Amino acid sequence: MRALEERFEAMEIQELYLSVDPENHPARSLYDSLGYRITETICEYFGEGGEDRLIMKKVLHTAQSSSLSPCR
């Protein structure tokens, strides 16, 4: 996961999102330890009768430490 995040940072991607089953506690714990935070719960994520999912987000260091102004 960290190697993938480093690649995204090099591409100047500022935020990553993932979805996880709310009952998958080992995965949720891993993502939490990596700095992902729950932003929302989506019911029936995969369509009617489908399972619910938590959406998790991480802001990468490029976004936090960037000193570039949005204007030139």
N, C-alpha and C. Protein backbone atom coordinates (compact mmCIF):
# COMPACT_ATOMS: atom_id res chain seq x y z
N MET A 1 0.83 -1.19 0.00
CA MET A 1 0.00 0.00 0.00
C MET A 1 0.87 1.26 0.00
N ARG A 2 1.91 1.25 0.81
CA ARG A 2 2.76 2.45 0.89
C ARG A 2 3.47 2.70 -0.45
N ALA A 3 3.93 1.65 -1.11
CA ALA A 3 4.59 1.84 -2.41
C ALA A 3 3.61 2.42 -3.43
N LEU A 4 2.38 1.96 -3.40
CA LEU A 4 1.36 2.50 -4.29
C LEU A 4 1.08 3.97 -3.97
N GLU A 5 0.98 4.29 -2.70
CA GLU A 5 0.76 5.67 -2.30
C GLU A 5 1.91 6.57 -2.76
N GLU A 6 3.14 6.07 -2.66
CA GLU A 6 4.30 6.86 -3.11
C GLU A 6 4.22 7.13 -4.61
N ARG A 7 3.77 6.15 -5.37
CA ARG A 7 3.61 6.36 -6.81
C ARG A 7 2.57 7.43 -7.09
N PHE A 8 1.46 7.38 -6.37
CA PHE A 8 0.41 8.38 -6.57
C PHE A 8 0.91 9.77 -6.17
N GLU A 9 1.68 9.84 -5.08
CA GLU A 9 2.24 11.13 -4.68
C GLU A 9 3.15 11.69 -5.77
N ALA A 10 3.96 10.82 -6.38
CA ALA A 10 4.85 11.25 -7.45
C ALA A 10 4.05 11.78 -8.65
N MET A 11 2.83 11.29 -8.80
CA MET A 11 1.95 11.74 -9.88
C MET A 11 1.15 12.97 -9.45
N GLU A 12 1.43 13.48 -8.25
CA GLU A 12 0.76 14.64 -7.67
C GLU A 12 -0.73 14.43 -7.43
N ILE A 13 -1.11 13.18 -7.20
CA ILE A 13 -2.48 12.87 -6.80
C ILE A 13 -2.59 13.20 -5.32
N GLN A 14 -3.62 13.94 -4.96
CA GLN A 14 -3.71 14.46 -3.60
C GLN A 14 -4.56 13.64 -2.66
N GLU A 15 -5.54 12.90 -3.17
CA GLU A 15 -6.44 12.13 -2.31
C GLU A 15 -6.66 10.74 -2.89
N LEU A 16 -6.75 9.77 -2.00
CA LEU A 16 -7.08 8.41 -2.38
C LEU A 16 -8.36 7.99 -1.67
N TYR A 17 -9.19 7.25 -2.38
CA TYR A 17 -10.43 6.72 -1.81
C TYR A 17 -10.45 5.22 -2.01
N LEU A 18 -11.08 4.52 -1.07
CA LEU A 18 -11.30 3.09 -1.21
C LEU A 18 -12.63 2.74 -0.56
N SER A 19 -13.13 1.58 -0.91
CA SER A 19 -14.34 1.09 -0.26
C SER A 19 -14.02 -0.23 0.42
N VAL A 20 -14.69 -0.47 1.54
CA VAL A 20 -14.44 -1.68 2.31
C VAL A 20 -15.76 -2.12 2.96
N ASP A 21 -15.91 -3.41 3.11
CA ASP A 21 -17.06 -3.98 3.79
C ASP A 21 -17.02 -3.52 5.25
N PRO A 22 -18.11 -2.97 5.77
CA PRO A 22 -18.13 -2.51 7.16
C PRO A 22 -17.78 -3.60 8.17
N GLU A 23 -18.01 -4.86 7.83
CA GLU A 23 -17.73 -5.96 8.75
C GLU A 23 -16.31 -6.51 8.61
N ASN A 24 -15.53 -5.99 7.67
CA ASN A 24 -14.16 -6.47 7.47
C ASN A 24 -13.22 -5.70 8.40
N HIS A 25 -13.24 -6.08 9.66
CA HIS A 25 -12.50 -5.36 10.68
C HIS A 25 -10.98 -5.41 10.49
N PRO A 26 -10.40 -6.55 10.04
CA PRO A 26 -8.95 -6.53 9.79
C PRO A 26 -8.55 -5.52 8.71
N ALA A 27 -9.32 -5.45 7.62
CA ALA A 27 -9.01 -4.48 6.56
C ALA A 27 -9.21 -3.06 7.06
N ARG A 28 -10.29 -2.83 7.77
CA ARG A 28 -10.54 -1.48 8.30
C ARG A 28 -9.42 -1.05 9.23
N SER A 29 -8.94 -1.96 10.05
CA SER A 29 -7.84 -1.66 10.97
C SER A 29 -6.57 -1.32 10.19
N LEU A 30 -6.29 -2.08 9.14
CA LEU A 30 -5.12 -1.80 8.30
C LEU A 30 -5.23 -0.42 7.68
N TYR A 31 -6.36 -0.14 7.04
CA TYR A 31 -6.53 1.15 6.37
C TYR A 31 -6.46 2.30 7.38
N ASP A 32 -7.04 2.10 8.54
CA ASP A 32 -6.98 3.12 9.59
C ASP A 32 -5.53 3.39 10.00
N SER A 33 -4.75 2.32 10.15
CA SER A 33 -3.35 2.47 10.55
C SER A 33 -2.52 3.18 9.48
N LEU A 34 -2.99 3.13 8.23
CA LEU A 34 -2.30 3.80 7.13
C LEU A 34 -2.77 5.24 6.93
N GLY A 35 -3.73 5.67 7.74
CA GLY A 35 -4.18 7.06 7.68
C GLY A 35 -5.46 7.29 6.91
N TYR A 36 -6.15 6.24 6.50
CA TYR A 36 -7.44 6.40 5.81
C TYR A 36 -8.51 6.64 6.86
N ARG A 37 -9.46 7.51 6.54
CA ARG A 37 -10.55 7.84 7.45
C ARG A 37 -11.88 7.63 6.75
N ILE A 38 -12.87 7.16 7.49
CA ILE A 38 -14.20 6.93 6.93
C ILE A 38 -14.84 8.27 6.61
N THR A 39 -15.33 8.39 5.38
CA THR A 39 -15.99 9.63 4.97
C THR A 39 -17.49 9.45 4.80
N GLU A 40 -17.91 8.22 4.48
CA GLU A 40 -19.34 7.97 4.33
C GLU A 40 -19.62 6.48 4.29
N THR A 41 -20.89 6.14 4.50
CA THR A 41 -21.38 4.78 4.35
C THR A 41 -22.37 4.79 3.19
N ILE A 42 -22.19 3.87 2.27
CA ILE A 42 -23.12 3.77 1.15
C ILE A 42 -23.85 2.43 1.26
N CYS A 43 -25.16 2.51 1.38
CA CYS A 43 -25.99 1.31 1.46
C CYS A 43 -26.18 0.73 0.06
N GLU A 44 -26.18 -0.58 -0.01
CA GLU A 44 -26.39 -1.30 -1.28
C GLU A 44 -25.46 -0.77 -2.37
N TYR A 45 -24.19 -0.70 -2.06
CA TYR A 45 -23.15 -0.14 -2.93
C TYR A 45 -23.15 -0.78 -4.32
N PHE A 46 -23.39 -2.07 -4.37
CA PHE A 46 -23.34 -2.80 -5.64
C PHE A 46 -24.72 -2.98 -6.27
N GLY A 47 -25.66 -2.14 -5.90
CA GLY A 47 -27.01 -2.23 -6.46
C GLY A 47 -27.99 -2.78 -5.46
N GLU A 48 -29.24 -2.83 -5.87
CA GLU A 48 -30.32 -3.27 -4.99
C GLU A 48 -30.01 -4.64 -4.40
N GLY A 49 -30.07 -4.71 -3.09
CA GLY A 49 -29.80 -5.96 -2.38
C GLY A 49 -28.32 -6.23 -2.17
N GLY A 50 -27.46 -5.36 -2.70
CA GLY A 50 -26.02 -5.54 -2.55
C GLY A 50 -25.54 -5.14 -1.16
N GLU A 51 -24.30 -5.44 -0.89
CA GLU A 51 -23.77 -5.15 0.43
C GLU A 51 -23.47 -3.66 0.61
N ASP A 52 -23.44 -3.25 1.85
CA ASP A 52 -23.09 -1.88 2.19
C ASP A 52 -21.57 -1.75 2.16
N ARG A 53 -21.08 -0.53 1.96
CA ARG A 53 -19.64 -0.27 1.94
C ARG A 53 -19.34 1.01 2.69
N LEU A 54 -18.19 1.02 3.32
CA LEU A 54 -17.66 2.25 3.89
C LEU A 54 -16.71 2.85 2.86
N ILE A 55 -16.76 4.15 2.69
CA ILE A 55 -15.82 4.85 1.83
C ILE A 55 -14.79 5.49 2.75
N MET A 56 -13.53 5.21 2.44
CA MET A 56 -12.43 5.74 3.25
C MET A 56 -11.55 6.61 2.36
N LYS A 57 -10.99 7.64 2.96
CA LYS A 57 -10.20 8.62 2.22
C LYS A 57 -8.88 8.88 2.94
N LYS A 58 -7.84 9.10 2.14
CA LYS A 58 -6.55 9.52 2.69
C LYS A 58 -6.05 10.70 1.88
N VAL A 59 -5.61 11.74 2.58
CA VAL A 59 -4.98 12.89 1.94
C VAL A 59 -3.48 12.60 1.92
N LEU A 60 -2.90 12.63 0.74
CA LEU A 60 -1.48 12.33 0.61
C LEU A 60 -0.62 13.54 0.99
N HIS A 61 0.63 13.28 1.29
CA HIS A 61 1.55 14.33 1.74
C HIS A 61 1.73 15.45 0.72
N THR A 62 1.61 15.13 -0.55
CA THR A 62 1.77 16.17 -1.58
C THR A 62 0.75 17.28 -1.35
N ALA A 63 -0.45 16.91 -0.96
CA ALA A 63 -1.50 17.92 -0.75
C ALA A 63 -1.24 18.69 0.54
N GLN A 64 -0.73 18.03 1.57
CA GLN A 64 -0.53 18.66 2.86
C GLN A 64 0.68 19.59 2.87
N SER A 65 1.72 19.22 2.13
CA SER A 65 2.97 19.97 2.22
C SER A 65 3.22 20.86 1.02
N SER A 66 2.32 20.90 0.10
CA SER A 66 2.52 21.70 -1.09
C SER A 66 2.51 23.19 -0.75
N SER A 67 3.53 23.89 -1.22
CA SER A 67 3.58 25.33 -1.00
C SER A 67 3.26 26.08 -2.29
N LEU A 68 2.82 25.37 -3.30
CA LEU A 68 2.51 26.01 -4.57
C LEU A 68 1.21 26.77 -4.47
N SER A 69 1.21 27.94 -5.04
CA SER A 69 -0.02 28.72 -5.09
C SER A 69 -0.87 28.26 -6.25
N PRO A 70 -2.20 28.24 -6.11
CA PRO A 70 -3.05 27.85 -7.23
C PRO A 70 -3.03 28.87 -8.37
N CYS A 71 -2.50 30.05 -8.09
CA CYS A 71 -2.40 31.10 -9.12
C CYS A 71 -0.95 31.24 -9.53
N ARG A 72 -0.73 31.63 -10.78
CA ARG A 72 0.64 31.83 -11.25
C ARG A 72 0.99 33.28 -11.34
